[in-house]
Amino acid sequence: MRVLISTDGSGTSRGPGGWAAVLRFGDHVKEISGAEDEATNNTMEITAAIMGLAALKRRCEVELISDSEYLLNGITTWVPLWKATGWRTREGNPVKNRELWETLDRYASRHSIIWTWVKGHSGHVDNERADQLAGEQRRARKQELQQCQAAYLEEAIGA
C-alpha cells in the first residue's frame, strides 16, 4: 500500500508564508502545517514536501502530489543536474534555495516516490485541503507579526 502525500505552499514575494501536507494511508489521514516569518511561495512549496516526507517514520512507497511545477521539476530534473554541477545553474550562478533542495533530496532518497502534478484548484480533495491549511497558516502568521509590530510601536512611543 502506498502513502499519499498532498502538499501545498502559500507565500508572496516577501513576508510570511505557510505550508501544509495531507498524508493519507488507507483510511488514516494526518494533516500537518506550519509557517515562516519570511518566505516565498517556492520556499513554502519545498518545505511542505520536506515536512510531509519527514513525518514518515519508516521507508515507504509514496505518491507525493503537488500543484507546484517548480517543486516537481526541481526534485525530478534540476536537483540531479545541480548536484552534478556543484549546485550551479546553467549560467554558473549558485542555485536558489539550495539548502531546502538538499534537505528535500535527503528525505526523498529514503523512500520510493512517485511525483505527481495536479492542477491547482481543480477539485483534488487533499490538494485543496493542503492549500486551505497553508493559506490559514500564512494569514495567521501575518496577523501575529502585525500584532507584535503594533505592540512594539505602542511600547516604543508610549501610546
N, C-alpha and C. Protein backbone atom coordinates (compact mmCIF):
# COMPACT_ATOMS: atom_id res chain seq x y z
N MET A 1 0.84 -1.18 0.00
CA MET A 1 0.00 0.00 0.00
C MET A 1 0.88 1.24 0.00
N ARG A 2 0.44 2.27 -0.66
CA ARG A 2 1.21 3.49 -0.85
C ARG A 2 0.67 4.61 0.04
N VAL A 3 1.60 5.40 0.59
CA VAL A 3 1.25 6.61 1.32
C VAL A 3 1.07 7.73 0.31
N LEU A 4 -0.06 8.43 0.37
CA LEU A 4 -0.30 9.59 -0.48
C LEU A 4 -0.02 10.84 0.33
N ILE A 5 0.79 11.73 -0.20
CA ILE A 5 1.08 13.00 0.47
C ILE A 5 0.75 14.12 -0.49
N SER A 6 -0.24 14.93 -0.14
CA SER A 6 -0.60 16.10 -0.93
C SER A 6 -0.04 17.32 -0.22
N THR A 7 0.72 18.13 -0.96
CA THR A 7 1.40 19.27 -0.33
C THR A 7 1.01 20.57 -1.02
N ASP A 8 1.17 21.66 -0.28
CA ASP A 8 1.00 22.98 -0.87
C ASP A 8 1.71 24.01 -0.01
N GLY A 9 2.11 25.08 -0.68
CA GLY A 9 2.73 26.20 -0.01
C GLY A 9 1.95 27.46 -0.33
N SER A 10 2.04 28.43 0.57
CA SER A 10 1.35 29.70 0.38
C SER A 10 2.30 30.81 0.79
N GLY A 11 2.62 31.66 -0.17
CA GLY A 11 3.53 32.75 0.14
C GLY A 11 3.42 33.84 -0.90
N THR A 12 4.10 34.93 -0.60
CA THR A 12 4.17 36.05 -1.53
C THR A 12 5.64 36.28 -1.83
N SER A 13 5.94 37.37 -2.50
CA SER A 13 7.34 37.63 -2.82
C SER A 13 8.15 37.98 -1.57
N ARG A 14 7.51 38.52 -0.56
CA ARG A 14 8.17 38.79 0.72
C ARG A 14 7.13 38.70 1.83
N GLY A 15 7.57 38.28 2.98
CA GLY A 15 6.66 38.23 4.12
C GLY A 15 6.37 36.81 4.55
N PRO A 16 5.37 36.65 5.39
CA PRO A 16 5.06 35.34 5.95
C PRO A 16 4.60 34.35 4.88
N GLY A 17 4.87 33.10 5.16
CA GLY A 17 4.43 32.03 4.27
C GLY A 17 3.93 30.85 5.07
N GLY A 18 3.09 30.04 4.47
CA GLY A 18 2.56 28.85 5.12
C GLY A 18 2.78 27.62 4.25
N TRP A 19 2.83 26.48 4.87
CA TRP A 19 2.98 25.21 4.17
C TRP A 19 2.05 24.19 4.80
N ALA A 20 1.70 23.16 4.05
CA ALA A 20 0.85 22.10 4.60
C ALA A 20 1.03 20.82 3.80
N ALA A 21 0.76 19.72 4.48
CA ALA A 21 0.78 18.40 3.85
C ALA A 21 -0.36 17.57 4.44
N VAL A 22 -1.04 16.87 3.57
CA VAL A 22 -2.09 15.92 3.97
C VAL A 22 -1.56 14.54 3.62
N LEU A 23 -1.36 13.72 4.65
CA LEU A 23 -0.85 12.36 4.46
C LEU A 23 -2.01 11.39 4.58
N ARG A 24 -2.10 10.47 3.63
CA ARG A 24 -3.20 9.51 3.62
C ARG A 24 -2.62 8.11 3.42
N PHE A 25 -3.01 7.20 4.32
CA PHE A 25 -2.63 5.79 4.20
C PHE A 25 -3.88 4.99 4.49
N GLY A 26 -4.49 4.46 3.42
CA GLY A 26 -5.76 3.77 3.59
C GLY A 26 -6.80 4.73 4.14
N ASP A 27 -7.40 4.37 5.28
CA ASP A 27 -8.41 5.22 5.91
C ASP A 27 -7.82 6.24 6.86
N HIS A 28 -6.51 6.19 7.09
CA HIS A 28 -5.85 7.09 8.05
C HIS A 28 -5.40 8.37 7.34
N VAL A 29 -5.71 9.51 7.97
CA VAL A 29 -5.34 10.81 7.42
C VAL A 29 -4.66 11.61 8.52
N LYS A 30 -3.55 12.25 8.15
CA LYS A 30 -2.84 13.14 9.07
C LYS A 30 -2.58 14.44 8.34
N GLU A 31 -2.90 15.56 8.99
CA GLU A 31 -2.67 16.88 8.42
C GLU A 31 -1.59 17.57 9.24
N ILE A 32 -0.60 18.14 8.56
CA ILE A 32 0.44 18.91 9.24
C ILE A 32 0.59 20.23 8.50
N SER A 33 0.93 21.27 9.24
CA SER A 33 1.10 22.58 8.61
C SER A 33 1.93 23.47 9.52
N GLY A 34 2.44 24.54 8.93
CA GLY A 34 3.24 25.48 9.70
C GLY A 34 3.47 26.75 8.90
N ALA A 35 4.27 27.64 9.47
CA ALA A 35 4.50 28.93 8.83
C ALA A 35 5.91 29.42 9.12
N GLU A 36 6.35 30.35 8.29
CA GLU A 36 7.64 31.02 8.45
C GLU A 36 7.40 32.52 8.37
N ASP A 37 8.24 33.29 9.07
CA ASP A 37 8.09 34.75 9.06
C ASP A 37 8.43 35.35 7.70
N GLU A 38 9.49 34.87 7.08
CA GLU A 38 9.93 35.37 5.77
C GLU A 38 10.02 34.20 4.82
N ALA A 39 9.22 34.22 3.77
CA ALA A 39 9.20 33.09 2.84
C ALA A 39 8.66 33.53 1.50
N THR A 40 8.96 32.74 0.50
CA THR A 40 8.35 32.90 -0.81
C THR A 40 7.43 31.70 -1.03
N ASN A 41 6.61 31.78 -2.05
CA ASN A 41 5.76 30.64 -2.36
C ASN A 41 6.62 29.41 -2.67
N ASN A 42 7.71 29.62 -3.41
CA ASN A 42 8.57 28.49 -3.77
C ASN A 42 9.19 27.83 -2.54
N THR A 43 9.67 28.63 -1.58
CA THR A 43 10.27 28.01 -0.39
C THR A 43 9.22 27.25 0.41
N MET A 44 8.00 27.73 0.41
CA MET A 44 6.94 27.04 1.15
C MET A 44 6.53 25.75 0.43
N GLU A 45 6.56 25.74 -0.90
CA GLU A 45 6.27 24.51 -1.64
C GLU A 45 7.29 23.42 -1.31
N ILE A 46 8.56 23.80 -1.29
CA ILE A 46 9.61 22.82 -0.96
C ILE A 46 9.48 22.37 0.49
N THR A 47 9.24 23.32 1.38
CA THR A 47 9.11 23.00 2.81
C THR A 47 7.95 22.03 3.04
N ALA A 48 6.84 22.22 2.36
CA ALA A 48 5.69 21.32 2.52
C ALA A 48 6.07 19.89 2.16
N ALA A 49 6.82 19.72 1.08
CA ALA A 49 7.25 18.38 0.68
C ALA A 49 8.22 17.79 1.70
N ILE A 50 9.16 18.61 2.17
CA ILE A 50 10.11 18.14 3.19
C ILE A 50 9.37 17.66 4.42
N MET A 51 8.46 18.48 4.91
CA MET A 51 7.76 18.14 6.15
C MET A 51 6.85 16.93 5.97
N GLY A 52 6.23 16.81 4.81
CA GLY A 52 5.42 15.62 4.55
C GLY A 52 6.25 14.35 4.59
N LEU A 53 7.41 14.37 3.94
CA LEU A 53 8.28 13.19 3.96
C LEU A 53 8.90 12.97 5.33
N ALA A 54 9.21 14.05 6.04
CA ALA A 54 9.81 13.93 7.37
C ALA A 54 8.84 13.30 8.37
N ALA A 55 7.55 13.40 8.10
CA ALA A 55 6.54 12.83 9.01
C ALA A 55 6.50 11.30 8.94
N LEU A 56 7.09 10.72 7.91
CA LEU A 56 7.08 9.26 7.76
C LEU A 56 8.14 8.65 8.67
N LYS A 57 7.75 7.64 9.42
CA LYS A 57 8.64 7.04 10.42
C LYS A 57 9.53 5.94 9.87
N ARG A 58 9.17 5.40 8.70
CA ARG A 58 9.97 4.32 8.10
C ARG A 58 9.92 4.46 6.58
N ARG A 59 10.75 3.70 5.91
CA ARG A 59 10.79 3.72 4.45
C ARG A 59 9.41 3.33 3.91
N CYS A 60 8.93 4.10 2.94
CA CYS A 60 7.59 3.87 2.40
C CYS A 60 7.59 4.02 0.88
N GLU A 61 6.58 3.43 0.27
CA GLU A 61 6.22 3.77 -1.09
C GLU A 61 5.31 4.98 -0.98
N VAL A 62 5.66 6.03 -1.71
CA VAL A 62 4.96 7.31 -1.57
C VAL A 62 4.54 7.82 -2.94
N GLU A 63 3.35 8.40 -2.98
CA GLU A 63 2.99 9.26 -4.11
C GLU A 63 2.86 10.66 -3.53
N LEU A 64 3.75 11.55 -3.94
CA LEU A 64 3.70 12.92 -3.47
C LEU A 64 3.03 13.76 -4.55
N ILE A 65 1.93 14.40 -4.17
CA ILE A 65 1.07 15.12 -5.09
C ILE A 65 1.18 16.62 -4.81
N SER A 66 1.47 17.38 -5.86
CA SER A 66 1.64 18.82 -5.70
C SER A 66 1.12 19.54 -6.93
N ASP A 67 0.70 20.79 -6.73
CA ASP A 67 0.31 21.62 -7.86
C ASP A 67 1.46 22.55 -8.27
N SER A 68 2.64 22.32 -7.71
CA SER A 68 3.80 23.17 -8.00
C SER A 68 4.72 22.51 -9.03
N GLU A 69 4.72 23.07 -10.23
CA GLU A 69 5.65 22.59 -11.25
C GLU A 69 7.09 22.87 -10.83
N TYR A 70 7.30 23.97 -10.13
CA TYR A 70 8.63 24.31 -9.61
C TYR A 70 9.16 23.18 -8.73
N LEU A 71 8.35 22.72 -7.80
CA LEU A 71 8.75 21.64 -6.90
C LEU A 71 9.04 20.36 -7.68
N LEU A 72 8.11 19.95 -8.53
CA LEU A 72 8.26 18.68 -9.23
C LEU A 72 9.39 18.70 -10.25
N ASN A 73 9.52 19.79 -11.02
CA ASN A 73 10.66 19.89 -11.94
C ASN A 73 11.97 19.95 -11.17
N GLY A 74 11.95 20.67 -10.06
CA GLY A 74 13.16 20.79 -9.26
C GLY A 74 13.67 19.46 -8.76
N ILE A 75 12.82 18.69 -8.12
CA ILE A 75 13.30 17.44 -7.49
C ILE A 75 13.55 16.35 -8.53
N THR A 76 12.80 16.32 -9.62
CA THR A 76 12.97 15.22 -10.58
C THR A 76 13.99 15.52 -11.67
N THR A 77 14.16 16.78 -12.03
CA THR A 77 15.05 17.14 -13.15
C THR A 77 16.24 17.99 -12.73
N TRP A 78 15.97 19.07 -12.02
CA TRP A 78 17.03 20.04 -11.74
C TRP A 78 18.01 19.58 -10.67
N VAL A 79 17.52 18.98 -9.58
CA VAL A 79 18.42 18.57 -8.49
C VAL A 79 19.54 17.64 -8.99
N PRO A 80 19.23 16.61 -9.78
CA PRO A 80 20.34 15.77 -10.27
C PRO A 80 21.36 16.57 -11.09
N LEU A 81 20.90 17.52 -11.89
CA LEU A 81 21.81 18.36 -12.67
C LEU A 81 22.63 19.26 -11.76
N TRP A 82 21.97 19.88 -10.78
CA TRP A 82 22.67 20.78 -9.87
C TRP A 82 23.73 20.03 -9.06
N LYS A 83 23.40 18.83 -8.63
CA LYS A 83 24.38 18.04 -7.88
C LYS A 83 25.60 17.76 -8.75
N ALA A 84 25.38 17.47 -10.02
CA ALA A 84 26.48 17.16 -10.94
C ALA A 84 27.33 18.39 -11.27
N THR A 85 26.73 19.59 -11.14
CA THR A 85 27.46 20.82 -11.47
C THR A 85 27.87 21.61 -10.24
N GLY A 86 27.89 20.95 -9.08
CA GLY A 86 28.29 21.65 -7.85
C GLY A 86 27.30 22.70 -7.40
N TRP A 87 26.02 22.43 -7.63
CA TRP A 87 24.93 23.31 -7.23
C TRP A 87 25.04 24.68 -7.89
N ARG A 88 25.29 24.63 -9.18
CA ARG A 88 25.34 25.83 -10.02
C ARG A 88 24.30 25.70 -11.13
N THR A 89 23.72 26.83 -11.51
CA THR A 89 22.77 26.85 -12.62
C THR A 89 23.53 26.77 -13.94
N ARG A 90 22.80 26.64 -15.03
CA ARG A 90 23.41 26.63 -16.35
C ARG A 90 24.28 27.86 -16.58
N GLU A 91 23.86 28.98 -16.00
CA GLU A 91 24.59 30.23 -16.16
C GLU A 91 25.78 30.33 -15.22
N GLY A 92 25.95 29.33 -14.34
CA GLY A 92 27.07 29.34 -13.40
C GLY A 92 26.77 30.01 -12.07
N ASN A 93 25.53 30.40 -11.86
CA ASN A 93 25.13 31.05 -10.61
C ASN A 93 24.79 30.02 -9.54
N PRO A 94 24.93 30.39 -8.27
CA PRO A 94 24.51 29.48 -7.20
C PRO A 94 23.00 29.22 -7.28
N VAL A 95 22.61 28.00 -6.99
CA VAL A 95 21.19 27.61 -7.01
C VAL A 95 20.46 28.29 -5.84
N LYS A 96 19.32 28.88 -6.15
CA LYS A 96 18.49 29.47 -5.09
C LYS A 96 17.86 28.34 -4.28
N ASN A 97 17.72 28.57 -3.00
CA ASN A 97 17.09 27.61 -2.08
C ASN A 97 17.86 26.30 -1.99
N ARG A 98 19.16 26.35 -2.17
CA ARG A 98 19.98 25.14 -2.18
C ARG A 98 19.78 24.30 -0.92
N GLU A 99 19.77 24.93 0.24
CA GLU A 99 19.64 24.17 1.49
C GLU A 99 18.33 23.39 1.53
N LEU A 100 17.26 24.03 1.06
CA LEU A 100 15.97 23.33 1.04
C LEU A 100 15.99 22.18 0.04
N TRP A 101 16.56 22.41 -1.15
CA TRP A 101 16.64 21.34 -2.15
C TRP A 101 17.48 20.17 -1.62
N GLU A 102 18.59 20.46 -0.94
CA GLU A 102 19.42 19.39 -0.40
C GLU A 102 18.67 18.60 0.67
N THR A 103 17.92 19.30 1.50
CA THR A 103 17.14 18.63 2.54
C THR A 103 16.05 17.76 1.91
N LEU A 104 15.35 18.30 0.92
CA LEU A 104 14.31 17.51 0.25
C LEU A 104 14.93 16.28 -0.42
N ASP A 105 16.06 16.44 -1.06
CA ASP A 105 16.74 15.32 -1.72
C ASP A 105 17.10 14.23 -0.71
N ARG A 106 17.55 14.65 0.46
CA ARG A 106 17.92 13.70 1.52
C ARG A 106 16.69 12.91 1.98
N TYR A 107 15.59 13.59 2.25
CA TYR A 107 14.37 12.90 2.67
C TYR A 107 13.80 12.03 1.56
N ALA A 108 13.83 12.53 0.34
CA ALA A 108 13.29 11.77 -0.79
C ALA A 108 14.07 10.48 -1.02
N SER A 109 15.37 10.51 -0.76
CA SER A 109 16.20 9.33 -1.01
C SER A 109 15.86 8.17 -0.07
N ARG A 110 15.14 8.45 1.00
CA ARG A 110 14.76 7.41 1.97
C ARG A 110 13.54 6.61 1.53
N HIS A 111 12.87 7.07 0.48
CA HIS A 111 11.61 6.46 0.09
C HIS A 111 11.59 6.17 -1.41
N SER A 112 10.64 5.36 -1.81
CA SER A 112 10.36 5.13 -3.22
C SER A 112 9.19 6.06 -3.57
N ILE A 113 9.46 7.08 -4.39
CA ILE A 113 8.47 8.15 -4.58
C ILE A 113 8.05 8.28 -6.04
N ILE A 114 6.75 8.40 -6.23
CA ILE A 114 6.18 8.83 -7.50
C ILE A 114 5.76 10.29 -7.28
N TRP A 115 6.29 11.18 -8.11
CA TRP A 115 5.98 12.61 -8.00
C TRP A 115 4.87 12.91 -9.00
N THR A 116 3.74 13.43 -8.50
CA THR A 116 2.56 13.65 -9.35
C THR A 116 2.13 15.11 -9.30
N TRP A 117 1.94 15.70 -10.48
CA TRP A 117 1.45 17.06 -10.57
C TRP A 117 -0.06 17.04 -10.76
N VAL A 118 -0.75 17.92 -10.04
CA VAL A 118 -2.18 18.16 -10.26
C VAL A 118 -2.37 19.65 -10.47
N LYS A 119 -3.33 20.00 -11.28
CA LYS A 119 -3.65 21.40 -11.49
C LYS A 119 -4.23 21.97 -10.20
N GLY A 120 -3.71 23.11 -9.77
CA GLY A 120 -4.22 23.75 -8.56
C GLY A 120 -5.67 24.15 -8.70
N HIS A 121 -6.41 24.05 -7.61
CA HIS A 121 -7.81 24.47 -7.56
C HIS A 121 -8.66 23.74 -8.60
N SER A 122 -8.33 22.46 -8.79
CA SER A 122 -9.07 21.66 -9.78
C SER A 122 -9.98 20.62 -9.13
N GLY A 123 -10.11 20.70 -7.79
CA GLY A 123 -11.02 19.79 -7.11
C GLY A 123 -10.36 18.57 -6.50
N HIS A 124 -9.03 18.45 -6.57
CA HIS A 124 -8.35 17.33 -5.89
C HIS A 124 -8.49 17.58 -4.38
N VAL A 125 -9.23 16.73 -3.70
CA VAL A 125 -9.65 16.98 -2.31
C VAL A 125 -8.47 17.26 -1.39
N ASP A 126 -7.46 16.41 -1.40
CA ASP A 126 -6.35 16.60 -0.46
C ASP A 126 -5.47 17.79 -0.85
N ASN A 127 -5.32 18.06 -2.15
CA ASN A 127 -4.57 19.24 -2.57
C ASN A 127 -5.31 20.51 -2.16
N GLU A 128 -6.62 20.50 -2.30
CA GLU A 128 -7.43 21.66 -1.87
C GLU A 128 -7.31 21.87 -0.35
N ARG A 129 -7.31 20.78 0.39
CA ARG A 129 -7.18 20.87 1.85
C ARG A 129 -5.80 21.41 2.23
N ALA A 130 -4.75 20.93 1.57
CA ALA A 130 -3.40 21.43 1.84
C ALA A 130 -3.33 22.92 1.52
N ASP A 131 -3.94 23.34 0.42
CA ASP A 131 -3.99 24.75 0.05
C ASP A 131 -4.67 25.58 1.13
N GLN A 132 -5.78 25.07 1.63
CA GLN A 132 -6.53 25.77 2.68
C GLN A 132 -5.67 25.91 3.95
N LEU A 133 -5.05 24.81 4.37
CA LEU A 133 -4.24 24.84 5.59
C LEU A 133 -3.03 25.77 5.44
N ALA A 134 -2.37 25.71 4.30
CA ALA A 134 -1.19 26.57 4.08
C ALA A 134 -1.60 28.04 4.10
N GLY A 135 -2.72 28.36 3.46
CA GLY A 135 -3.21 29.74 3.46
C GLY A 135 -3.58 30.21 4.86
N GLU A 136 -4.21 29.35 5.64
CA GLU A 136 -4.56 29.70 7.02
C GLU A 136 -3.31 29.98 7.84
N GLN A 137 -2.30 29.13 7.66
CA GLN A 137 -1.04 29.34 8.40
C GLN A 137 -0.39 30.66 8.02
N ARG A 138 -0.35 30.98 6.73
CA ARG A 138 0.26 32.24 6.27
C ARG A 138 -0.48 33.44 6.85
N ARG A 139 -1.81 33.40 6.77
CA ARG A 139 -2.60 34.53 7.29
C ARG A 139 -2.45 34.67 8.80
N ALA A 140 -2.44 33.55 9.52
CA ALA A 140 -2.28 33.61 10.97
C ALA A 140 -0.92 34.18 11.35
N ARG A 141 0.14 33.76 10.63
CA ARG A 141 1.48 34.28 10.94
C ARG A 141 1.55 35.77 10.63
N LYS A 142 0.94 36.19 9.54
CA LYS A 142 0.91 37.60 9.17
C LYS A 142 0.22 38.41 10.26
N GLN A 143 -0.90 37.91 10.77
CA GLN A 143 -1.63 38.61 11.82
C GLN A 143 -0.80 38.67 13.11
N GLU A 144 -0.14 37.58 13.46
CA GLU A 144 0.73 37.56 14.65
C GLU A 144 1.84 38.60 14.54
N LEU A 145 2.46 38.67 13.37
CA LEU A 145 3.54 39.63 13.17
C LEU A 145 3.03 41.06 13.25
N GLN A 146 1.86 41.32 12.69
CA GLN A 146 1.28 42.66 12.75
C GLN A 146 0.95 43.04 14.19
N GLN A 147 0.45 42.10 14.97
CA GLN A 147 0.15 42.38 16.37
C GLN A 147 1.42 42.66 17.16
N CYS A 148 2.47 41.90 16.87
CA CYS A 148 3.75 42.13 17.55
C CYS A 148 4.32 43.49 17.19
N GLN A 149 4.22 43.86 15.93
CA GLN A 149 4.71 45.17 15.50
C GLN A 149 3.92 46.29 16.16
N ALA A 150 2.61 46.14 16.24
CA ALA A 150 1.77 47.15 16.86
C ALA A 150 2.11 47.29 18.34
N ALA A 151 2.30 46.17 19.03
CA ALA A 151 2.65 46.20 20.45
C ALA A 151 4.01 46.86 20.65
N TYR A 152 4.96 46.56 19.78
CA TYR A 152 6.29 47.16 19.87
C TYR A 152 6.21 48.66 19.67
N LEU A 153 5.44 49.10 18.68
CA LEU A 153 5.29 50.54 18.43
C LEU A 153 4.63 51.24 19.61
N GLU A 154 3.60 50.60 20.15
CA GLU A 154 2.93 51.17 21.32
C GLU A 154 3.91 51.39 22.45
N GLU A 155 4.72 50.36 22.71
CA GLU A 155 5.72 50.44 23.79
C GLU A 155 6.79 51.48 23.48
N ALA A 156 7.22 51.54 22.22
CA ALA A 156 8.30 52.42 21.84
C ALA A 156 7.89 53.90 21.91
N ILE A 157 6.65 54.20 21.56
CA ILE A 157 6.23 55.60 21.55
C ILE A 157 5.38 55.96 22.79
N GLY A 158 5.15 54.99 23.62
CA GLY A 158 4.43 55.25 24.86
C GLY A 158 2.96 55.53 24.67
N ALA A 159 2.40 55.01 23.63
CA ALA A 159 0.97 55.28 23.37
C ALA A 159 0.10 54.35 24.16
